[in-house]
Full PDB file with SEQRES, HELIX, SHEET, SSBOND, CRYST1, ORIGX, SCALE, CONECT and MASTER records, all heavy atoms in Angstrom:
SEQRES   1 A   30  SER GLY GLY SER THR ASN TYR ALA ASP SER VAL LYS GLY          
SEQRES   2 A   30  ARG PHE THR ILE SER ARG ASP ASN ALA LYS ASN THR VAL          
SEQRES   3 A   30  TYR LEU GLN MET                                              
SHEET    1 AA1 2 THR A  16  ASP A  20  0                                        
SHEET    2 AA1 2 THR A  25  GLN A  29 -1                                        
CRYST1    1.000    1.000    1.000  90.00  90.00  90.00 P 1           1          
ORIGX1      1.000000  0.000000  0.000000        0.00000                         
ORIGX2      0.000000  1.000000  0.000000        0.00000                         
ORIGX3      0.000000  0.000000  1.000000        0.00000                         
SCALE1      1.000000  0.000000  0.000000        0.00000                         
SCALE2      0.000000  1.000000  0.000000        0.00000                         
SCALE3      0.000000  0.000000  1.000000        0.00000                         
ATOM      1  N   SER A   1       0.666  -7.781  -7.814  1.00  0.00           N  
ATOM      2  CA  SER A   1       1.733  -7.616  -8.793  1.00  0.00           C  
ATOM      3  C   SER A   1       1.348  -6.585  -9.859  1.00  0.00           C  
ATOM      4  O   SER A   1       2.213  -5.898 -10.407  1.00  0.00           O  
ATOM      5  CB  SER A   1       2.066  -8.954  -9.455  1.00  0.00           C  
ATOM      6  OG  SER A   1       0.918  -9.512 -10.057  1.00  0.00           O  
ATOM      7  N   GLY A   2       0.056  -6.447 -10.110  1.00  0.00           N  
ATOM      8  CA  GLY A   2      -0.402  -5.466 -11.076  1.00  0.00           C  
ATOM      9  C   GLY A   2      -0.557  -4.061 -10.512  1.00  0.00           C  
ATOM     10  O   GLY A   2      -0.895  -3.133 -11.244  1.00  0.00           O  
ATOM     11  N   GLY A   3      -0.345  -3.932  -9.214  1.00  0.00           N  
ATOM     12  CA  GLY A   3      -0.441  -2.617  -8.598  1.00  0.00           C  
ATOM     13  C   GLY A   3      -1.797  -2.311  -7.976  1.00  0.00           C  
ATOM     14  O   GLY A   3      -1.992  -1.229  -7.415  1.00  0.00           O  
ATOM     15  N   SER A   4      -2.730  -3.261  -8.070  1.00  0.00           N  
ATOM     16  CA  SER A   4      -4.024  -3.045  -7.416  1.00  0.00           C  
ATOM     17  C   SER A   4      -3.848  -3.096  -5.904  1.00  0.00           C  
ATOM     18  O   SER A   4      -3.004  -3.830  -5.393  1.00  0.00           O  
ATOM     19  CB  SER A   4      -5.023  -4.115  -7.848  1.00  0.00           C  
ATOM     20  OG  SER A   4      -5.247  -4.051  -9.230  1.00  0.00           O  
ATOM     21  N   THR A   5      -4.658  -2.327  -5.220  1.00  0.00           N  
ATOM     22  CA  THR A   5      -4.579  -2.283  -3.757  1.00  0.00           C  
ATOM     23  C   THR A   5      -5.939  -2.596  -3.142  1.00  0.00           C  
ATOM     24  O   THR A   5      -6.991  -2.305  -3.734  1.00  0.00           O  
ATOM     25  CB  THR A   5      -4.101  -0.909  -3.264  1.00  0.00           C  
ATOM     26  OG1 THR A   5      -4.984   0.103  -3.771  1.00  0.00           O  
ATOM     27  CG2 THR A   5      -2.686  -0.620  -3.742  1.00  0.00           C  
ATOM     28  N   ASN A   6      -5.911  -3.192  -1.979  1.00  0.00           N  
ATOM     29  CA  ASN A   6      -7.117  -3.477  -1.219  1.00  0.00           C  
ATOM     30  C   ASN A   6      -6.847  -3.167   0.243  1.00  0.00           C  
ATOM     31  O   ASN A   6      -5.721  -3.340   0.726  1.00  0.00           O  
ATOM     32  CB  ASN A   6      -7.518  -4.952  -1.360  1.00  0.00           C  
ATOM     33  CG  ASN A   6      -8.011  -5.276  -2.750  1.00  0.00           C  
ATOM     34  OD1 ASN A   6      -9.114  -4.915  -3.134  1.00  0.00           O  
ATOM     35  ND2 ASN A   6      -7.175  -5.950  -3.528  1.00  0.00           N  
ATOM     36  N   TYR A   7      -7.898  -2.716   0.917  1.00  0.00           N  
ATOM     37  CA  TYR A   7      -7.757  -2.295   2.304  1.00  0.00           C  
ATOM     38  C   TYR A   7      -8.883  -2.847   3.170  1.00  0.00           C  
ATOM     39  O   TYR A   7     -10.011  -3.036   2.693  1.00  0.00           O  
ATOM     40  CB  TYR A   7      -7.790  -0.758   2.394  1.00  0.00           C  
ATOM     41  CG  TYR A   7      -6.686  -0.096   1.626  1.00  0.00           C  
ATOM     42  CD1 TYR A   7      -6.878   0.321   0.318  1.00  0.00           C  
ATOM     43  CD2 TYR A   7      -5.433   0.095   2.203  1.00  0.00           C  
ATOM     44  CE1 TYR A   7      -5.855   0.918  -0.405  1.00  0.00           C  
ATOM     45  CE2 TYR A   7      -4.402   0.689   1.487  1.00  0.00           C  
ATOM     46  CZ  TYR A   7      -4.625   1.094   0.188  1.00  0.00           C  
ATOM     47  OH  TYR A   7      -3.603   1.684  -0.521  1.00  0.00           O  
ATOM     48  N   ALA A   8      -8.578  -3.048   4.436  1.00  0.00           N  
ATOM     49  CA  ALA A   8      -9.624  -3.341   5.400  1.00  0.00           C  
ATOM     50  C   ALA A   8     -10.538  -2.124   5.495  1.00  0.00           C  
ATOM     51  O   ALA A   8     -10.089  -0.980   5.367  1.00  0.00           O  
ATOM     52  CB  ALA A   8      -9.006  -3.658   6.759  1.00  0.00           C  
ATOM     53  N   ASP A   9     -11.819  -2.377   5.724  1.00  0.00           N  
ATOM     54  CA  ASP A   9     -12.776  -1.270   5.812  1.00  0.00           C  
ATOM     55  C   ASP A   9     -12.368  -0.262   6.872  1.00  0.00           C  
ATOM     56  O   ASP A   9     -12.592   0.939   6.715  1.00  0.00           O  
ATOM     57  CB  ASP A   9     -14.169  -1.817   6.126  1.00  0.00           C  
ATOM     58  CG  ASP A   9     -14.801  -2.525   4.949  1.00  0.00           C  
ATOM     59  OD1 ASP A   9     -14.319  -2.343   3.806  1.00  0.00           O  
ATOM     60  OD2 ASP A   9     -15.771  -3.269   5.161  1.00  0.00           O  
ATOM     61  N   SER A  10     -11.750  -0.749   7.939  1.00  0.00           N  
ATOM     62  CA  SER A  10     -11.416   0.117   9.070  1.00  0.00           C  
ATOM     63  C   SER A  10     -10.314   1.130   8.736  1.00  0.00           C  
ATOM     64  O   SER A  10     -10.145   2.108   9.478  1.00  0.00           O  
ATOM     65  CB  SER A  10     -10.988  -0.728  10.269  1.00  0.00           C  
ATOM     66  OG  SER A  10      -9.880  -1.539   9.929  1.00  0.00           O  
ATOM     67  N   VAL A  11      -9.580   0.915   7.646  1.00  0.00           N  
ATOM     68  CA  VAL A  11      -8.470   1.819   7.320  1.00  0.00           C  
ATOM     69  C   VAL A  11      -8.650   2.508   5.966  1.00  0.00           C  
ATOM     70  O   VAL A  11      -7.815   3.347   5.592  1.00  0.00           O  
ATOM     71  CB  VAL A  11      -7.115   1.090   7.363  1.00  0.00           C  
ATOM     72  CG1 VAL A  11      -6.923   0.365   8.695  1.00  0.00           C  
ATOM     73  CG2 VAL A  11      -6.945   0.132   6.196  1.00  0.00           C  
ATOM     74  N   LYS A  12      -9.689   2.168   5.238  1.00  0.00           N  
ATOM     75  CA  LYS A  12      -9.913   2.773   3.919  1.00  0.00           C  
ATOM     76  C   LYS A  12      -9.977   4.287   4.021  1.00  0.00           C  
ATOM     77  O   LYS A  12     -10.640   4.829   4.912  1.00  0.00           O  
ATOM     78  CB  LYS A  12     -11.210   2.241   3.306  1.00  0.00           C  
ATOM     79  CG  LYS A  12     -11.072   0.906   2.616  1.00  0.00           C  
ATOM     80  CD  LYS A  12     -12.397   0.457   2.016  1.00  0.00           C  
ATOM     81  CE  LYS A  12     -12.266  -0.925   1.413  1.00  0.00           C  
ATOM     82  NZ  LYS A  12     -13.565  -1.448   0.931  1.00  0.00           N  
ATOM     83  N   GLY A  13      -9.283   4.939   3.103  1.00  0.00           N  
ATOM     84  CA  GLY A  13      -9.276   6.394   3.091  1.00  0.00           C  
ATOM     85  C   GLY A  13      -8.237   7.009   4.010  1.00  0.00           C  
ATOM     86  O   GLY A  13      -7.990   8.219   3.956  1.00  0.00           O  
ATOM     87  N   ARG A  14      -7.614   6.176   4.857  1.00  0.00           N  
ATOM     88  CA  ARG A  14      -6.603   6.694   5.791  1.00  0.00           C  
ATOM     89  C   ARG A  14      -5.225   6.091   5.544  1.00  0.00           C  
ATOM     90  O   ARG A  14      -4.216   6.768   5.760  1.00  0.00           O  
ATOM     91  CB  ARG A  14      -7.026   6.405   7.242  1.00  0.00           C  
ATOM     92  CG  ARG A  14      -8.344   7.012   7.629  1.00  0.00           C  
ATOM     93  CD  ARG A  14      -8.621   6.843   9.116  1.00  0.00           C  
ATOM     94  NE  ARG A  14      -8.729   5.443   9.522  1.00  0.00           N  
ATOM     95  CZ  ARG A  14      -7.940   4.868  10.434  1.00  0.00           C  
ATOM     96  NH1 ARG A  14      -6.986   5.555  11.024  1.00  0.00           N  
ATOM     97  NH2 ARG A  14      -8.119   3.579  10.748  1.00  0.00           N  
ATOM     98  N   PHE A  15      -5.179   4.843   5.126  1.00  0.00           N  
ATOM     99  CA  PHE A  15      -3.912   4.136   4.908  1.00  0.00           C  
ATOM    100  C   PHE A  15      -3.683   3.948   3.406  1.00  0.00           C  
ATOM    101  O   PHE A  15      -4.640   3.762   2.651  1.00  0.00           O  
ATOM    102  CB  PHE A  15      -3.935   2.752   5.558  1.00  0.00           C  
ATOM    103  CG  PHE A  15      -3.895   2.753   7.066  1.00  0.00           C  
ATOM    104  CD1 PHE A  15      -4.088   3.897   7.803  1.00  0.00           C  
ATOM    105  CD2 PHE A  15      -3.645   1.561   7.740  1.00  0.00           C  
ATOM    106  CE1 PHE A  15      -4.051   3.883   9.194  1.00  0.00           C  
ATOM    107  CE2 PHE A  15      -3.607   1.522   9.118  1.00  0.00           C  
ATOM    108  CZ  PHE A  15      -3.818   2.681   9.843  1.00  0.00           C  
ATOM    109  N   THR A  16      -2.417   3.960   3.021  1.00  0.00           N  
ATOM    110  CA  THR A  16      -2.038   3.723   1.634  1.00  0.00           C  
ATOM    111  C   THR A  16      -0.843   2.788   1.582  1.00  0.00           C  
ATOM    112  O   THR A  16       0.192   3.065   2.212  1.00  0.00           O  
ATOM    113  CB  THR A  16      -1.683   5.044   0.928  1.00  0.00           C  
ATOM    114  OG1 THR A  16      -2.789   5.955   1.014  1.00  0.00           O  
ATOM    115  CG2 THR A  16      -1.364   4.795  -0.541  1.00  0.00           C  
ATOM    116  N   ILE A  17      -0.987   1.702   0.832  1.00  0.00           N  
ATOM    117  CA  ILE A  17       0.123   0.773   0.612  1.00  0.00           C  
ATOM    118  C   ILE A  17       0.779   1.115  -0.716  1.00  0.00           C  
ATOM    119  O   ILE A  17       0.093   1.436  -1.693  1.00  0.00           O  
ATOM    120  CB  ILE A  17      -0.350  -0.690   0.658  1.00  0.00           C  
ATOM    121  CG1 ILE A  17       0.843  -1.651   0.633  1.00  0.00           C  
ATOM    122  CG2 ILE A  17      -1.356  -0.992  -0.440  1.00  0.00           C  
ATOM    123  CD1 ILE A  17       0.453  -3.121   0.884  1.00  0.00           C  
ATOM    124  N   SER A  18       2.104   1.059  -0.741  1.00  0.00           N  
ATOM    125  CA  SER A  18       2.829   1.345  -1.971  1.00  0.00           C  
ATOM    126  C   SER A  18       4.146   0.574  -1.944  1.00  0.00           C  
ATOM    127  O   SER A  18       4.470  -0.070  -0.936  1.00  0.00           O  
ATOM    128  CB  SER A  18       3.097   2.843  -2.115  1.00  0.00           C  
ATOM    129  OG  SER A  18       3.921   3.306  -1.060  1.00  0.00           O  
ATOM    130  N   ARG A  19       4.903   0.641  -3.041  1.00  0.00           N  
ATOM    131  CA  ARG A  19       6.176  -0.073  -3.064  1.00  0.00           C  
ATOM    132  C   ARG A  19       7.164   0.659  -3.954  1.00  0.00           C  
ATOM    133  O   ARG A  19       6.783   1.433  -4.834  1.00  0.00           O  
ATOM    134  CB  ARG A  19       5.982  -1.505  -3.573  1.00  0.00           C  
ATOM    135  CG  ARG A  19       5.486  -1.584  -4.999  1.00  0.00           C  
ATOM    136  CD  ARG A  19       5.272  -3.022  -5.430  1.00  0.00           C  
ATOM    137  NE  ARG A  19       4.593  -3.061  -6.723  1.00  0.00           N  
ATOM    138  CZ  ARG A  19       3.678  -3.952  -7.042  1.00  0.00           C  
ATOM    139  NH1 ARG A  19       3.329  -4.892  -6.178  1.00  0.00           N  
ATOM    140  NH2 ARG A  19       3.104  -3.935  -8.234  1.00  0.00           N  
ATOM    141  N   ASP A  20       8.430   0.385  -3.698  1.00  0.00           N  
ATOM    142  CA  ASP A  20       9.529   0.874  -4.519  1.00  0.00           C  
ATOM    143  C   ASP A  20      10.303  -0.363  -4.957  1.00  0.00           C  
ATOM    144  O   ASP A  20      11.055  -0.944  -4.161  1.00  0.00           O  
ATOM    145  CB  ASP A  20      10.401   1.831  -3.705  1.00  0.00           C  
ATOM    146  CG  ASP A  20      11.511   2.456  -4.524  1.00  0.00           C  
ATOM    147  OD1 ASP A  20      11.985   1.826  -5.493  1.00  0.00           O  
ATOM    148  OD2 ASP A  20      11.927   3.571  -4.184  1.00  0.00           O  
ATOM    149  N   ASN A  21      10.119  -0.761  -6.203  1.00  0.00           N  
ATOM    150  CA  ASN A  21      10.750  -2.000  -6.678  1.00  0.00           C  
ATOM    151  C   ASN A  21      12.276  -1.886  -6.661  1.00  0.00           C  
ATOM    152  O   ASN A  21      12.975  -2.863  -6.389  1.00  0.00           O  
ATOM    153  CB  ASN A  21      10.260  -2.341  -8.072  1.00  0.00           C  
ATOM    154  CG  ASN A  21       8.799  -2.752  -8.091  1.00  0.00           C  
ATOM    155  OD1 ASN A  21       8.240  -3.153  -7.076  1.00  0.00           O  
ATOM    156  ND2 ASN A  21       8.171  -2.638  -9.260  1.00  0.00           N  
ATOM    157  N   ALA A  22      12.786  -0.712  -6.951  1.00  0.00           N  
ATOM    158  CA  ALA A  22      14.235  -0.531  -6.984  1.00  0.00           C  
ATOM    159  C   ALA A  22      14.860  -0.747  -5.611  1.00  0.00           C  
ATOM    160  O   ALA A  22      15.980  -1.259  -5.488  1.00  0.00           O  
ATOM    161  CB  ALA A  22      14.573   0.859  -7.510  1.00  0.00           C  
ATOM    162  N   LYS A  23      14.118  -0.362  -4.574  1.00  0.00           N  
ATOM    163  CA  LYS A  23      14.601  -0.543  -3.198  1.00  0.00           C  
ATOM    164  C   LYS A  23      14.109  -1.851  -2.589  1.00  0.00           C  
ATOM    165  O   LYS A  23      14.448  -2.170  -1.448  1.00  0.00           O  
ATOM    166  CB  LYS A  23      14.167   0.628  -2.324  1.00  0.00           C  
ATOM    167  CG  LYS A  23      14.787   1.952  -2.744  1.00  0.00           C  
ATOM    168  CD  LYS A  23      14.338   3.078  -1.820  1.00  0.00           C  
ATOM    169  CE  LYS A  23      14.980   4.395  -2.221  1.00  0.00           C  
ATOM    170  NZ  LYS A  23      14.545   5.518  -1.351  1.00  0.00           N  
ATOM    171  N   ASN A  24      13.275  -2.571  -3.350  1.00  0.00           N  
ATOM    172  CA  ASN A  24      12.663  -3.807  -2.857  1.00  0.00           C  
ATOM    173  C   ASN A  24      12.021  -3.594  -1.487  1.00  0.00           C  
ATOM    174  O   ASN A  24      12.205  -4.374  -0.541  1.00  0.00           O  
ATOM    175  CB  ASN A  24      13.678  -4.958  -2.781  1.00  0.00           C  
ATOM    176  CG  ASN A  24      13.017  -6.313  -2.985  1.00  0.00           C  
ATOM    177  OD1 ASN A  24      11.971  -6.414  -3.637  1.00  0.00           O  
ATOM    178  ND2 ASN A  24      13.605  -7.349  -2.439  1.00  0.00           N  
ATOM    179  N   THR A  25      11.243  -2.521  -1.421  1.00  0.00           N  
ATOM    180  CA  THR A  25      10.634  -2.090  -0.166  1.00  0.00           C  
ATOM    181  C   THR A  25       9.154  -1.778  -0.385  1.00  0.00           C  
ATOM    182  O   THR A  25       8.800  -1.177  -1.414  1.00  0.00           O  
ATOM    183  CB  THR A  25      11.352  -0.853   0.388  1.00  0.00           C  
ATOM    184  OG1 THR A  25      12.732  -1.188   0.643  1.00  0.00           O  
ATOM    185  CG2 THR A  25      10.715  -0.365   1.686  1.00  0.00           C  
ATOM    186  N   VAL A  26       8.340  -2.185   0.553  1.00  0.00           N  
ATOM    187  CA  VAL A  26       6.916  -1.859   0.535  1.00  0.00           C  
ATOM    188  C   VAL A  26       6.636  -0.942   1.727  1.00  0.00           C  
ATOM    189  O   VAL A  26       7.295  -1.058   2.775  1.00  0.00           O  
ATOM    190  CB  VAL A  26       6.052  -3.136   0.556  1.00  0.00           C  
ATOM    191  CG1 VAL A  26       6.244  -3.917   1.837  1.00  0.00           C  
ATOM    192  CG2 VAL A  26       4.604  -2.819   0.315  1.00  0.00           C  
ATOM    193  N   TYR A  27       5.685  -0.043   1.554  1.00  0.00           N  
ATOM    194  CA  TYR A  27       5.384   0.969   2.555  1.00  0.00           C  
ATOM    195  C   TYR A  27       3.922   0.914   2.963  1.00  0.00           C  
ATOM    196  O   TYR A  27       3.060   0.453   2.208  1.00  0.00           O  
ATOM    197  CB  TYR A  27       5.687   2.370   2.005  1.00  0.00           C  
ATOM    198  CG  TYR A  27       7.100   2.549   1.529  1.00  0.00           C  
ATOM    199  CD1 TYR A  27       7.412   2.427   0.169  1.00  0.00           C  
ATOM    200  CD2 TYR A  27       8.128   2.835   2.414  1.00  0.00           C  
ATOM    201  CE1 TYR A  27       8.709   2.588  -0.279  1.00  0.00           C  
ATOM    202  CE2 TYR A  27       9.435   2.995   1.970  1.00  0.00           C  
ATOM    203  CZ  TYR A  27       9.716   2.860   0.624  1.00  0.00           C  
ATOM    204  OH  TYR A  27      11.010   3.022   0.181  1.00  0.00           O  
ATOM    205  N   LEU A  28       3.656   1.415   4.149  1.00  0.00           N  
ATOM    206  CA  LEU A  28       2.285   1.635   4.584  1.00  0.00           C  
ATOM    207  C   LEU A  28       2.226   3.037   5.186  1.00  0.00           C  
ATOM    208  O   LEU A  28       2.763   3.273   6.274  1.00  0.00           O  
ATOM    209  CB  LEU A  28       1.836   0.595   5.612  1.00  0.00           C  
ATOM    210  CG  LEU A  28       0.363   0.681   6.009  1.00  0.00           C  
ATOM    211  CD1 LEU A  28      -0.532   0.311   4.816  1.00  0.00           C  
ATOM    212  CD2 LEU A  28       0.057  -0.229   7.191  1.00  0.00           C  
ATOM    213  N   GLN A  29       1.631   3.957   4.431  1.00  0.00           N  
ATOM    214  CA  GLN A  29       1.430   5.314   4.917  1.00  0.00           C  
ATOM    215  C   GLN A  29       0.134   5.344   5.713  1.00  0.00           C  
ATOM    216  O   GLN A  29      -0.919   4.982   5.181  1.00  0.00           O  
ATOM    217  CB  GLN A  29       1.350   6.303   3.753  1.00  0.00           C  
ATOM    218  CG  GLN A  29       1.085   7.742   4.169  1.00  0.00           C  
ATOM    219  CD  GLN A  29       2.225   8.343   4.957  1.00  0.00           C  
ATOM    220  OE1 GLN A  29       3.384   8.180   4.601  1.00  0.00           O  
ATOM    221  NE2 GLN A  29       1.894   9.054   6.031  1.00  0.00           N  
ATOM    222  N   MET A  30       0.215   5.763   6.959  1.00  0.00           N  
ATOM    223  CA  MET A  30      -0.940   5.746   7.843  1.00  0.00           C  
ATOM    224  C   MET A  30      -1.222   7.181   8.297  1.00  0.00           C  
ATOM    225  O   MET A  30      -0.388   7.795   8.965  1.00  0.00           O  
ATOM    226  CB  MET A  30      -0.676   4.854   9.061  1.00  0.00           C  
ATOM    227  CG  MET A  30      -0.260   3.444   8.677  1.00  0.00           C  
ATOM    228  SD  MET A  30      -0.094   2.347  10.104  1.00  0.00           S  
ATOM    229  CE  MET A  30       1.276   3.114  10.954  1.00  0.00           C  
TER     230      MET A  30                                                      
MASTER        0    0    0    0    2    0    0    6  229    1    0    3          
END                                                                             
């Protein structure tokens, strides 16, 4: 809820999680 992110070691540096509250949508950029 504070915007902190955590990743599995296998995807660190390659994947990014983000969200758009206005669209009530979460994303995973891979």
